[in-house]
Structures are given as C-alpha cells and as structure tokens.
Amino acid sequence: MAAPFDFSGTWRSSYFLTRIVAKVSQSGNRVWGVVEVTGPLGGTDLYHVNGRVKGMQVVAWHYNGRQFRGRATGEEKAEGVLTTKAGDRLNLKAVRVEHSQAGGERPA
C-alpha cells in the first residue's frame, strides 16, 4: 500500500469573493487543522477540522456537519467538494503556499 499524500501546510482557495485559508497538519493518515473563511465584507470564521487521508484522497470535517472531500492533483494542488451545513456543495481548487505542520492542536 502506498504512503498517504502529505497534505500538511497552508492551502489557499476562494469561492466567488470569499477567501479560504486552511492550515493543515498531518501524521500518517490523520489530518487536522484550522480553516479561516473571510467573506467579501471582511467577517472571518474559523473552523477546527479533523480528517483522514487515503492515498491521494482526503476527507476532513468540522463537528457541525461541514465536510470537504478532495484529492491531490499535483504536489502543490488539490481539488474537491465542500459540503456546507445546509447541504450546499461547492467545488473548490486549492494551492499549497507553504509546507509545514501548520494547523491547530493534534486531536487526542
């Protein structure tokens, strides 16, 4: 079985005028981190997420029901679908802008 893709680092994306920055840490097939979502009027929301990696695919979730299912499309690129709490599905593409263990406290 191949080792899981390394998703650790800082990833940037956007959806219309909303800016998304995910700071992700990884150990083996576990990922966790903090996602910062800044709206067009400047309000910012933070989401602490946990997830799993299998090969080039990742699934990460927030306790309130938001979920991201995606895959690496290159060493510094990923794409996937964010499902919101209301059930809306948003197609996202992200670019890694920094390699590091970058996000939040490791879950117990």
PDB file of N, CA and C in Angstrom:
ATOM      1  N   MET A   1       0.837  -1.184   0.000  1.00  0.00           N
ATOM      2  CA  MET A   1       0.000   0.000   0.000  1.00  0.00           C
ATOM      3  C   MET A   1       0.882   1.248   0.000  1.00  0.00           C
ATOM      4  N   ALA A   2       0.569   2.191  -0.841  1.00  0.00           N
ATOM      5  CA  ALA A   2       1.354   3.416  -0.962  1.00  0.00           C
ATOM      6  C   ALA A   2       1.129   4.322   0.250  1.00  0.00           C
ATOM      7  N   ALA A   3       2.156   5.084   0.596  1.00  0.00           N
ATOM      8  CA  ALA A   3       2.048   6.035   1.702  1.00  0.00           C
ATOM      9  C   ALA A   3       1.036   7.124   1.343  1.00  0.00           C
ATOM     10  N   PRO A   4       0.350   7.667   2.355  1.00  0.00           N
ATOM     11  CA  PRO A   4      -0.608   8.728   2.060  1.00  0.00           C
ATOM     12  C   PRO A   4       0.100   9.994   1.578  1.00  0.00           C
ATOM     13  N   PHE A   5      -0.550  10.721   0.682  1.00  0.00           N
ATOM     14  CA  PHE A   5      -0.047  12.017   0.225  1.00  0.00           C
ATOM     15  C   PHE A   5       0.104  12.931   1.437  1.00  0.00           C
ATOM     16  N   ASP A   6       1.109  13.774   1.432  1.00  0.00           N
ATOM     17  CA  ASP A   6       1.336  14.713   2.535  1.00  0.00           C
ATOM     18  C   ASP A   6       0.575  16.008   2.267  1.00  0.00           C
ATOM     19  N   PHE A   7      -0.533  16.196   2.972  1.00  0.00           N
ATOM     20  CA  PHE A   7      -1.357  17.401   2.818  1.00  0.00           C
ATOM     21  C   PHE A   7      -0.960  18.514   3.780  1.00  0.00           C
ATOM     22  N   SER A   8       0.072  18.314   4.608  1.00  0.00           N
ATOM     23  CA  SER A   8       0.423  19.338   5.586  1.00  0.00           C
ATOM     24  C   SER A   8       0.865  20.624   4.889  1.00  0.00           C
ATOM     25  N   GLY A   9       0.556  21.743   5.545  1.00  0.00           N
ATOM     26  CA  GLY A   9       0.937  23.046   5.022  1.00  0.00           C
ATOM     27  C   GLY A   9      -0.213  24.022   5.020  1.00  0.00           C
ATOM     28  N   THR A  10       0.014  25.140   4.375  1.00  0.00           N
ATOM     29  CA  THR A  10      -1.003  26.177   4.250  1.00  0.00           C
ATOM     30  C   THR A  10      -1.533  26.164   2.831  1.00  0.00           C
ATOM     31  N   TRP A  11      -2.849  26.022   2.712  1.00  0.00           N
ATOM     32  CA  TRP A  11      -3.527  25.942   1.418  1.00  0.00           C
ATOM     33  C   TRP A  11      -4.441  27.154   1.268  1.00  0.00           C
ATOM     34  N   ARG A  12      -4.487  27.708   0.048  1.00  0.00           N
ATOM     35  CA  ARG A  12      -5.355  28.858  -0.236  1.00  0.00           C
ATOM     36  C   ARG A  12      -6.342  28.502  -1.339  1.00  0.00           C
ATOM     37  N   SER A  13      -7.565  29.006  -1.156  1.00  0.00           N
ATOM     38  CA  SER A  13      -8.618  28.813  -2.142  1.00  0.00           C
ATOM     39  C   SER A  13      -9.557  30.005  -2.055  1.00  0.00           C
ATOM     40  N   SER A  14     -10.518  30.054  -2.947  1.00  0.00           N
ATOM     41  CA  SER A  14     -11.553  31.085  -2.869  1.00  0.00           C
ATOM     42  C   SER A  14     -12.816  30.550  -3.523  1.00  0.00           C
ATOM     43  N   TYR A  15     -13.919  31.167  -3.134  1.00  0.00           N
ATOM     44  CA  TYR A  15     -15.198  30.837  -3.745  1.00  0.00           C
ATOM     45  C   TYR A  15     -15.916  32.161  -3.938  1.00  0.00           C
ATOM     46  N   PHE A  16     -16.075  32.580  -5.176  1.00  0.00           N
ATOM     47  CA  PHE A  16     -16.540  33.917  -5.522  1.00  0.00           C
ATOM     48  C   PHE A  16     -15.689  34.928  -4.768  1.00  0.00           C
ATOM     49  N   LEU A  17     -16.235  35.731  -3.881  1.00  0.00           N
ATOM     50  CA  LEU A  17     -15.454  36.747  -3.180  1.00  0.00           C
ATOM     51  C   LEU A  17     -15.036  36.306  -1.779  1.00  0.00           C
ATOM     52  N   THR A  18     -15.186  35.043  -1.475  1.00  0.00           N
ATOM     53  CA  THR A  18     -14.825  34.514  -0.161  1.00  0.00           C
ATOM     54  C   THR A  18     -13.443  33.876  -0.234  1.00  0.00           C
ATOM     55  N   ARG A  19     -12.570  34.266   0.702  1.00  0.00           N
ATOM     56  CA  ARG A  19     -11.201  33.745   0.753  1.00  0.00           C
ATOM     57  C   ARG A  19     -11.135  32.617   1.786  1.00  0.00           C
ATOM     58  N   ILE A  20     -10.467  31.521   1.430  1.00  0.00           N
ATOM     59  CA  ILE A  20     -10.351  30.363   2.309  1.00  0.00           C
ATOM     60  C   ILE A  20      -8.870  30.031   2.486  1.00  0.00           C
ATOM     61  N   VAL A  21      -8.425  29.930   3.738  1.00  0.00           N
ATOM     62  CA  VAL A  21      -7.059  29.535   4.054  1.00  0.00           C
ATOM     63  C   VAL A  21      -7.139  28.364   5.029  1.00  0.00           C
ATOM     64  N   ALA A  22      -6.551  27.231   4.654  1.00  0.00           N
ATOM     65  CA  ALA A  22      -6.533  26.046   5.511  1.00  0.00           C
ATOM     66  C   ALA A  22      -5.102  25.783   5.962  1.00  0.00           C
ATOM     67  N   LYS A  23      -4.900  25.726   7.273  1.00  0.00           N
ATOM     68  CA  LYS A  23      -3.595  25.407   7.847  1.00  0.00           C
ATOM     69  C   LYS A  23      -3.693  23.984   8.377  1.00  0.00           C
ATOM     70  N   VAL A  24      -2.978  23.080   7.714  1.00  0.00           N
ATOM     71  CA  VAL A  24      -3.158  21.647   7.915  1.00  0.00           C
ATOM     72  C   VAL A  24      -1.899  20.997   8.481  1.00  0.00           C
ATOM     73  N   SER A  25      -2.095  20.130   9.480  1.00  0.00           N
ATOM     74  CA  SER A  25      -1.027  19.277   9.997  1.00  0.00           C
ATOM     75  C   SER A  25      -1.400  17.835   9.695  1.00  0.00           C
ATOM     76  N   GLN A  26      -0.395  16.967   9.626  1.00  0.00           N
ATOM     77  CA  GLN A  26      -0.655  15.573   9.282  1.00  0.00           C
ATOM     78  C   GLN A  26       0.334  14.662   9.996  1.00  0.00           C
ATOM     79  N   SER A  27      -0.183  13.512  10.421  1.00  0.00           N
ATOM     80  CA  SER A  27       0.633  12.436  10.965  1.00  0.00           C
ATOM     81  C   SER A  27       0.073  11.141  10.398  1.00  0.00           C
ATOM     82  N   GLY A  28       0.854  10.487   9.527  1.00  0.00           N
ATOM     83  CA  GLY A  28       0.359   9.273   8.874  1.00  0.00           C
ATOM     84  C   GLY A  28      -0.861   9.583   8.034  1.00  0.00           C
ATOM     85  N   ASN A  29      -1.968   8.902   8.337  1.00  0.00           N
ATOM     86  CA  ASN A  29      -3.187   9.141   7.556  1.00  0.00           C
ATOM     87  C   ASN A  29      -4.169  10.067   8.267  1.00  0.00           C
ATOM     88  N   ARG A  30      -3.752  10.700   9.351  1.00  0.00           N
ATOM     89  CA  ARG A  30      -4.618  11.641  10.073  1.00  0.00           C
ATOM     90  C   ARG A  30      -4.236  13.075   9.734  1.00  0.00           C
ATOM     91  N   VAL A  31      -5.243  13.912   9.498  1.00  0.00           N
ATOM     92  CA  VAL A  31      -5.030  15.339   9.286  1.00  0.00           C
ATOM     93  C   VAL A  31      -5.904  16.118  10.267  1.00  0.00           C
ATOM     94  N   TRP A  32      -5.458  17.316  10.586  1.00  0.00           N
ATOM     95  CA  TRP A  32      -6.218  18.219  11.433  1.00  0.00           C
ATOM     96  C   TRP A  32      -5.735  19.621  11.151  1.00  0.00           C
ATOM     97  N   GLY A  33      -6.539  20.600  11.537  1.00  0.00           N
ATOM     98  CA  GLY A  33      -6.098  21.964  11.312  1.00  0.00           C
ATOM     99  C   GLY A  33      -7.187  22.982  11.526  1.00  0.00           C
ATOM    100  N   VAL A  34      -6.903  24.170  11.043  1.00  0.00           N
ATOM    101  CA  VAL A  34      -7.797  25.309  11.188  1.00  0.00           C
ATOM    102  C   VAL A  34      -8.054  25.894   9.812  1.00  0.00           C
ATOM    103  N   VAL A  35      -9.335  26.120   9.503  1.00  0.00           N
ATOM    104  CA  VAL A  35      -9.726  26.731   8.236  1.00  0.00           C
ATOM    105  C   VAL A  35     -10.292  28.110   8.547  1.00  0.00           C
ATOM    106  N   GLU A  36      -9.731  29.127   7.895  1.00  0.00           N
ATOM    107  CA  GLU A  36     -10.161  30.510   8.067  1.00  0.00           C
ATOM    108  C   GLU A  36     -10.919  30.932   6.818  1.00  0.00           C
ATOM    109  N   VAL A  37     -12.170  31.342   6.996  1.00  0.00           N
ATOM    110  CA  VAL A  37     -13.015  31.759   5.874  1.00  0.00           C
ATOM    111  C   VAL A  37     -13.339  33.235   6.055  1.00  0.00           C
ATOM    112  N   THR A  38     -12.902  34.057   5.093  1.00  0.00           N
ATOM    113  CA  THR A  38     -13.113  35.502   5.155  1.00  0.00           C
ATOM    114  C   THR A  38     -14.066  35.904   4.041  1.00  0.00           C
ATOM    115  N   GLY A  39     -15.217  36.453   4.438  1.00  0.00           N
ATOM    116  CA  GLY A  39     -16.239  36.860   3.486  1.00  0.00           C
ATOM    117  C   GLY A  39     -15.917  38.164   2.787  1.00  0.00           C
ATOM    118  N   PRO A  40     -16.711  38.529   1.790  1.00  0.00           N
ATOM    119  CA  PRO A  40     -16.445  39.732   1.000  1.00  0.00           C
ATOM    120  C   PRO A  40     -16.547  41.026   1.813  1.00  0.00           C
ATOM    121  N   LEU A  41     -17.249  41.000   2.935  1.00  0.00           N
ATOM    122  CA  LEU A  41     -17.369  42.198   3.770  1.00  0.00           C
ATOM    123  C   LEU A  41     -16.356  42.199   4.911  1.00  0.00           C
ATOM    124  N   GLY A  42     -15.467  41.198   4.931  1.00  0.00           N
ATOM    125  CA  GLY A  42     -14.384  41.181   5.899  1.00  0.00           C
ATOM    126  C   GLY A  42     -14.607  40.318   7.122  1.00  0.00           C
ATOM    127  N   GLY A  43     -15.801  39.814   7.360  1.00  0.00           N
ATOM    128  CA  GLY A  43     -16.028  38.939   8.508  1.00  0.00           C
ATOM    129  C   GLY A  43     -15.285  37.625   8.328  1.00  0.00           C
ATOM    130  N   THR A  44     -14.707  37.116   9.432  1.00  0.00           N
ATOM    131  CA  THR A  44     -13.919  35.887   9.367  1.00  0.00           C
ATOM    132  C   THR A  44     -14.480  34.844  10.322  1.00  0.00           C
ATOM    133  N   ASP A  45     -14.589  33.608   9.842  1.00  0.00           N
ATOM    134  CA  ASP A  45     -14.995  32.470  10.663  1.00  0.00           C
ATOM    135  C   ASP A  45     -13.856  31.469  10.682  1.00  0.00           C
ATOM    136  N   LEU A  46     -13.660  30.816  11.835  1.00  0.00           N
ATOM    137  CA  LEU A  46     -12.642  29.782  11.984  1.00  0.00           C
ATOM    138  C   LEU A  46     -13.314  28.442  12.226  1.00  0.00           C
ATOM    139  N   TYR A  47     -12.786  27.398  11.578  1.00  0.00           N
ATOM    140  CA  TYR A  47     -13.309  26.053  11.726  1.00  0.00           C
ATOM    141  C   TYR A  47     -12.154  25.114  12.045  1.00  0.00           C
ATOM    142  N   HIS A  48     -12.239  24.413  13.164  1.00  0.00           N
ATOM    143  CA  HIS A  48     -11.245  23.397  13.510  1.00  0.00           C
ATOM    144  C   HIS A  48     -11.718  22.085  12.900  1.00  0.00           C
ATOM    145  N   VAL A  49     -10.846  21.430  12.126  1.00  0.00           N
ATOM    146  CA  VAL A  49     -11.241  20.240  11.379  1.00  0.00           C
ATOM    147  C   VAL A  49     -10.335  19.055  11.718  1.00  0.00           C
ATOM    148  N   ASN A  50     -10.863  17.872  11.482  1.00  0.00           N
ATOM    149  CA  ASN A  50     -10.137  16.605  11.585  1.00  0.00           C
ATOM    150  C   ASN A  50     -10.415  15.831  10.324  1.00  0.00           C
ATOM    151  N   GLY A  51      -9.547  14.891   9.987  1.00  0.00           N
ATOM    152  CA  GLY A  51      -9.810  14.109   8.790  1.00  0.00           C
ATOM    153  C   GLY A  51      -8.874  12.943   8.616  1.00  0.00           C
ATOM    154  N   ARG A  52      -9.031  12.309   7.460  1.00  0.00           N
ATOM    155  CA  ARG A  52      -8.256  11.126   7.100  1.00  0.00           C
ATOM    156  C   ARG A  52      -7.769  11.247   5.663  1.00  0.00           C
ATOM    157  N   VAL A  53      -6.616  10.643   5.413  1.00  0.00           N
ATOM    158  CA  VAL A  53      -6.029  10.602   4.075  1.00  0.00           C
ATOM    159  C   VAL A  53      -5.921   9.142   3.657  1.00  0.00           C
ATOM    160  N   LYS A  54      -6.273   8.867   2.422  1.00  0.00           N
ATOM    161  CA  LYS A  54      -6.079   7.537   1.847  1.00  0.00           C
ATOM    162  C   LYS A  54      -5.496   7.745   0.460  1.00  0.00           C
ATOM    163  N   GLY A  55      -4.204   7.418   0.314  1.00  0.00           N
ATOM    164  CA  GLY A  55      -3.536   7.652  -0.966  1.00  0.00           C
ATOM    165  C   GLY A  55      -3.503   9.142  -1.276  1.00  0.00           C
ATOM    166  N   MET A  56      -4.093   9.526  -2.390  1.00  0.00           N
ATOM    167  CA  MET A  56      -4.131  10.925  -2.820  1.00  0.00           C
ATOM    168  C   MET A  56      -5.427  11.622  -2.399  1.00  0.00           C
ATOM    169  N   GLN A  57      -6.293  10.935  -1.665  1.00  0.00           N
ATOM    170  CA  GLN A  57      -7.597  11.488  -1.297  1.00  0.00           C
ATOM    171  C   GLN A  57      -7.617  11.900   0.165  1.00  0.00           C
ATOM    172  N   VAL A  58      -8.422  12.917   0.447  1.00  0.00           N
ATOM    173  CA  VAL A  58      -8.571  13.407   1.810  1.00  0.00           C
ATOM    174  C   VAL A  58     -10.046  13.677   2.089  1.00  0.00           C
ATOM    175  N   VAL A  59     -10.445  13.395   3.319  1.00  0.00           N
ATOM    176  CA  VAL A  59     -11.766  13.771   3.815  1.00  0.00           C
ATOM    177  C   VAL A  59     -11.532  14.481   5.131  1.00  0.00           C
ATOM    178  N   ALA A  60     -12.071  15.685   5.273  1.00  0.00           N
ATOM    179  CA  ALA A  60     -11.937  16.448   6.513  1.00  0.00           C
ATOM    180  C   ALA A  60     -13.296  17.010   6.882  1.00  0.00           C
ATOM    181  N   TRP A  61     -13.555  17.100   8.190  1.00  0.00           N
ATOM    182  CA  TRP A  61     -14.873  17.540   8.631  1.00  0.00           C
ATOM    183  C   TRP A  61     -14.765  18.434   9.856  1.00  0.00           C
ATOM    184  N   HIS A  62     -15.811  19.239  10.017  1.00  0.00           N
ATOM    185  CA  HIS A  62     -15.995  20.083  11.193  1.00  0.00           C
ATOM    186  C   HIS A  62     -17.168  19.484  11.959  1.00  0.00           C
ATOM    187  N   TYR A  63     -17.166  19.599  13.256  1.00  0.00           N
ATOM    188  CA  TYR A  63     -18.197  18.936  14.063  1.00  0.00           C
ATOM    189  C   TYR A  63     -19.625  19.352  13.714  1.00  0.00           C
ATOM    190  N   ASN A  64     -19.813  20.517  13.096  1.00  0.00           N
ATOM    191  CA  ASN A  64     -21.173  20.983  12.809  1.00  0.00           C
ATOM    192  C   ASN A  64     -21.742  20.456  11.491  1.00  0.00           C
ATOM    193  N   GLY A  65     -21.021  19.568  10.811  1.00  0.00           N
ATOM    194  CA  GLY A  65     -21.567  18.961   9.602  1.00  0.00           C
ATOM    195  C   GLY A  65     -20.904  19.370   8.308  1.00  0.00           C
ATOM    196  N   ARG A  66     -20.072  20.401   8.314  1.00  0.00           N
ATOM    197  CA  ARG A  66     -19.351  20.750   7.086  1.00  0.00           C
ATOM    198  C   ARG A  66     -18.322  19.658   6.799  1.00  0.00           C
ATOM    199  N   GLN A  67     -18.143  19.368   5.498  1.00  0.00           N
ATOM    200  CA  GLN A  67     -17.204  18.313   5.121  1.00  0.00           C
ATOM    201  C   GLN A  67     -16.541  18.644   3.792  1.00  0.00           C
ATOM    202  N   PHE A  68     -15.246  18.349   3.702  1.00  0.00           N
ATOM    203  CA  PHE A  68     -14.514  18.501   2.449  1.00  0.00           C
ATOM    204  C   PHE A  68     -14.038  17.128   2.010  1.00  0.00           C
ATOM    205  N   ARG A  69     -14.334  16.755   0.762  1.00  0.00           N
ATOM    206  CA  ARG A  69     -13.835  15.525   0.143  1.00  0.00           C
ATOM    207  C   ARG A  69     -13.046  15.937  -1.084  1.00  0.00           C
ATOM    208  N   GLY A  70     -11.758  15.609  -1.093  1.00  0.00           N
ATOM    209  CA  GLY A  70     -10.944  16.040  -2.219  1.00  0.00           C
ATOM    210  C   GLY A  70      -9.796  15.101  -2.497  1.00  0.00           C
ATOM    211  N   ARG A  71      -8.928  15.575  -3.397  1.00  0.00           N
ATOM    212  CA  ARG A  71      -7.767  14.783  -3.788  1.00  0.00           C
ATOM    213  C   ARG A  71      -6.663  15.716  -4.244  1.00  0.00           C
ATOM    214  N   ALA A  72      -5.442  15.245  -4.088  1.00  0.00           N
ATOM    215  CA  ALA A  72      -4.295  15.984  -4.610  1.00  0.00           C
ATOM    216  C   ALA A  72      -4.275  15.821  -6.120  1.00  0.00           C
ATOM    217  N   THR A  73      -4.049  16.915  -6.826  1.00  0.00           N
ATOM    218  CA  THR A  73      -3.950  16.876  -8.286  1.00  0.00           C
ATOM    219  C   THR A  73      -2.534  17.200  -8.746  1.00  0.00           C
ATOM    220  N   GLY A  74      -1.655  17.424  -7.791  1.00  0.00           N
ATOM    221  CA  GLY A  74      -0.253  17.726  -8.032  1.00  0.00           C
ATOM    222  C   GLY A  74       0.392  17.918  -6.676  1.00  0.00           C
ATOM    223  N   GLU A  75       1.688  18.127  -6.659  1.00  0.00           N
ATOM    224  CA  GLU A  75       2.392  18.282  -5.383  1.00  0.00           C
ATOM    225  C   GLU A  75       1.889  19.487  -4.599  1.00  0.00           C
ATOM    226  N   GLU A  76       1.448  20.528  -5.293  1.00  0.00           N
ATOM    227  CA  GLU A  76       1.014  21.761  -4.633  1.00  0.00           C
ATOM    228  C   GLU A  76      -0.436  22.122  -4.946  1.00  0.00           C
ATOM    229  N   LYS A  77      -1.223  21.190  -5.470  1.00  0.00           N
ATOM    230  CA  LYS A  77      -2.598  21.488  -5.864  1.00  0.00           C
ATOM    231  C   LYS A  77      -3.543  20.401  -5.378  1.00  0.00           C
ATOM    232  N   ALA A  78      -4.754  20.830  -5.048  1.00  0.00           N
ATOM    233  CA  ALA A  78      -5.798  19.895  -4.646  1.00  0.00           C
ATOM    234  C   ALA A  78      -7.131  20.444  -5.120  1.00  0.00           C
ATOM    235  N   GLU A  79      -8.106  19.564  -5.243  1.00  0.00           N
ATOM    236  CA  GLU A  79      -9.460  19.991  -5.594  1.00  0.00           C
ATOM    237  C   GLU A  79     -10.438  19.058  -4.917  1.00  0.00           C
ATOM    238  N   GLY A  80     -11.660  19.549  -4.759  1.00  0.00           N
ATOM    239  CA  GLY A  80     -12.667  18.716  -4.131  1.00  0.00           C
ATOM    240  C   GLY A  80     -13.972  19.458  -3.950  1.00  0.00           C
ATOM    241  N   VAL A  81     -14.833  18.876  -3.135  1.00  0.00           N
ATOM    242  CA  VAL A  81     -16.167  19.421  -2.896  1.00  0.00           C
ATOM    243  C   VAL A  81     -16.335  19.679  -1.408  1.00  0.00           C
ATOM    244  N   LEU A  82     -16.712  20.907  -1.075  1.00  0.00           N
ATOM    245  CA  LEU A  82     -17.059  21.281   0.285  1.00  0.00           C
ATOM    246  C   LEU A  82     -18.570  21.216   0.407  1.00  0.00           C
ATOM    247  N   THR A  83     -19.057  20.410   1.332  1.00  0.00           N
ATOM    248  CA  THR A  83     -20.485  20.348   1.606  1.00  0.00           C
ATOM    249  C   THR A  83     -20.739  21.176   2.855  1.00  0.00           C
ATOM    250  N   THR A  84     -21.612  22.181   2.742  1.00  0.00           N
ATOM    251  CA  THR A  84     -21.887  23.075   3.858  1.00  0.00           C
ATOM    252  C   THR A  84     -22.895  22.454   4.816  1.00  0.00           C
ATOM    253  N   LYS A  85     -23.082  23.106   5.951  1.00  0.00           N
ATOM    254  CA  LYS A  85     -24.045  22.650   6.947  1.00  0.00           C
ATOM    255  C   LYS A  85     -25.450  22.569   6.354  1.00  0.00           C
ATOM    256  N   ALA A  86     -25.767  23.467   5.415  1.00  0.00           N
ATOM    257  CA  ALA A  86     -27.088  23.496   4.773  1.00  0.00           C
ATOM    258  C   ALA A  86     -27.211  22.469   3.650  1.00  0.00           C
ATOM    259  N   GLY A  87     -26.096  21.782   3.324  1.00  0.00           N
ATOM    260  CA  GLY A  87     -26.133  20.773   2.269  1.00  0.00           C
ATOM    261  C   GLY A  87     -25.714  21.269   0.901  1.00  0.00           C
ATOM    262  N   ASP A  88     -25.333  22.554   0.789  1.00  0.00           N
ATOM    263  CA  ASP A  88     -24.834  23.070  -0.491  1.00  0.00           C
ATOM    264  C   ASP A  88     -23.480  22.435  -0.780  1.00  0.00           C
ATOM    265  N   ARG A  89     -23.206  22.170  -2.064  1.00  0.00           N
ATOM    266  CA  ARG A  89     -21.944  21.557  -2.486  1.00  0.00           C
ATOM    267  C   ARG A  89     -21.160  22.562  -3.328  1.00  0.00           C
ATOM    268  N   LEU A  90     -19.979  22.927  -2.855  1.00  0.00           N
ATOM    269  CA  LEU A  90     -19.149  23.919  -3.524  1.00  0.00           C
ATOM    270  C   LEU A  90     -17.891  23.260  -4.067  1.00  0.00           C
ATOM    271  N   ASN A  91     -17.635  23.410  -5.359  1.00  0.00           N
ATOM    272  CA  ASN A  91     -16.414  22.887  -5.979  1.00  0.00           C
ATOM    273  C   ASN A  91     -15.272  23.860  -5.706  1.00  0.00           C
ATOM    274  N   LEU A  92     -14.188  23.343  -5.139  1.00  0.00           N
ATOM    275  CA  LEU A  92     -13.046  24.184  -4.789  1.00  0.00           C
ATOM    276  C   LEU A  92     -11.762  23.638  -5.385  1.00  0.00           C
ATOM    277  N   LYS A  93     -10.850  24.542  -5.702  1.00  0.00           N
ATOM    278  CA  LYS A  93      -9.479  24.209  -6.083  1.00  0.00           C
ATOM    279  C   LYS A  93      -8.581  24.987  -5.142  1.00  0.00           C
ATOM    280  N   ALA A  94      -7.534  24.327  -4.649  1.00  0.00           N
ATOM    281  CA  ALA A  94      -6.637  24.966  -3.690  1.00  0.00           C
ATOM    282  C   ALA A  94      -5.191  24.817  -4.142  1.00  0.00           C
ATOM    283  N   VAL A  95      -4.363  25.743  -3.681  1.00  0.00           N
ATOM    284  CA  VAL A  95      -2.934  25.738  -3.955  1.00  0.00           C
ATOM    285  C   VAL A  95      -2.208  25.802  -2.615  1.00  0.00           C
ATOM    286  N   ARG A  96      -1.200  24.933  -2.451  1.00  0.00           N
ATOM    287  CA  ARG A  96      -0.399  24.978  -1.226  1.00  0.00           C
ATOM    288  C   ARG A  96       0.621  26.099  -1.374  1.00  0.00           C
ATOM    289  N   VAL A  97       0.651  26.987  -0.396  1.00  0.00           N
ATOM    290  CA  VAL A  97       1.565  28.125  -0.444  1.00  0.00           C
ATOM    291  C   VAL A  97       2.707  27.989   0.549  1.00  0.00           C
ATOM    292  N   GLU A  98       2.628  26.986   1.428  1.00  0.00           N
ATOM    293  CA  GLU A  98       3.699  26.762   2.400  1.00  0.00           C
ATOM    294  C   GLU A  98       3.649  25.311   2.876  1.00  0.00           C
ATOM    295  N   HIS A  99       4.823  24.678   2.949  1.00  0.00           N
ATOM    296  CA  HIS A  99       4.944  23.331   3.515  1.00  0.00           C
ATOM    297  C   HIS A  99       5.287  23.465   4.988  1.00  0.00           C
ATOM    298  N   SER A 100       4.495  22.847   5.859  1.00  0.00           N
ATOM    299  CA  SER A 100       4.815  22.819   7.285  1.00  0.00           C
ATOM    300  C   SER A 100       3.714  22.082   8.018  1.00  0.00           C
ATOM    301  N   GLN A 101       3.987  21.737   9.250  1.00  0.00           N
ATOM    302  CA  GLN A 101       2.925  21.270  10.132  1.00  0.00           C
ATOM    303  C   GLN A 101       2.312  22.557  10.649  1.00  0.00           C
ATOM    304  N   ALA A 102       1.125  22.880  10.179  1.00  0.00           N
ATOM    305  CA  ALA A 102       0.669  24.252  10.321  1.00  0.00           C
ATOM    306  C   ALA A 102      -0.609  24.469  11.108  1.00  0.00           C
ATOM    307  N   GLY A 103      -1.341  23.444  11.472  1.00  0.00           N
ATOM    308  CA  GLY A 103      -2.673  23.775  11.947  1.00  0.00           C
ATOM    309  C   GLY A 103      -3.144  23.195  13.251  1.00  0.00           C
ATOM    310  N   GLY A 104      -3.298  24.038  14.241  1.00  0.00           N
ATOM    311  CA  GLY A 104      -4.030  23.681  15.437  1.00  0.00           C
ATOM    312  C   GLY A 104      -3.404  22.575  16.271  1.00  0.00           C
ATOM    313  N   GLU A 105      -4.141  22.203  17.316  1.00  0.00           N
ATOM    314  CA  GLU A 105      -3.685  21.140  18.201  1.00  0.00           C
ATOM    315  C   GLU A 105      -4.044  19.773  17.653  1.00  0.00           C
ATOM    316  N   ARG A 106      -3.145  18.841  17.813  1.00  0.00           N
ATOM    317  CA  ARG A 106      -3.399  17.476  17.375  1.00  0.00           C
ATOM    318  C   ARG A 106      -4.524  16.894  18.220  1.00  0.00           C
ATOM    319  N   PRO A 107      -5.526  16.306  17.573  1.00  0.00           N
ATOM    320  CA  PRO A 107      -6.629  15.731  18.344  1.00  0.00           C
ATOM    321  C   PRO A 107      -6.156  14.518  19.145  1.00  0.00           C
ATOM    322  N   ALA A 108      -6.820  14.296  20.271  1.00  0.00           N
ATOM    323  CA  ALA A 108      -6.462  13.161  21.144  1.00  0.00           C
ATOM    324  C   ALA A 108      -6.808  11.840  20.513  1.00  0.00           C
TER     325      ALA A 108
END
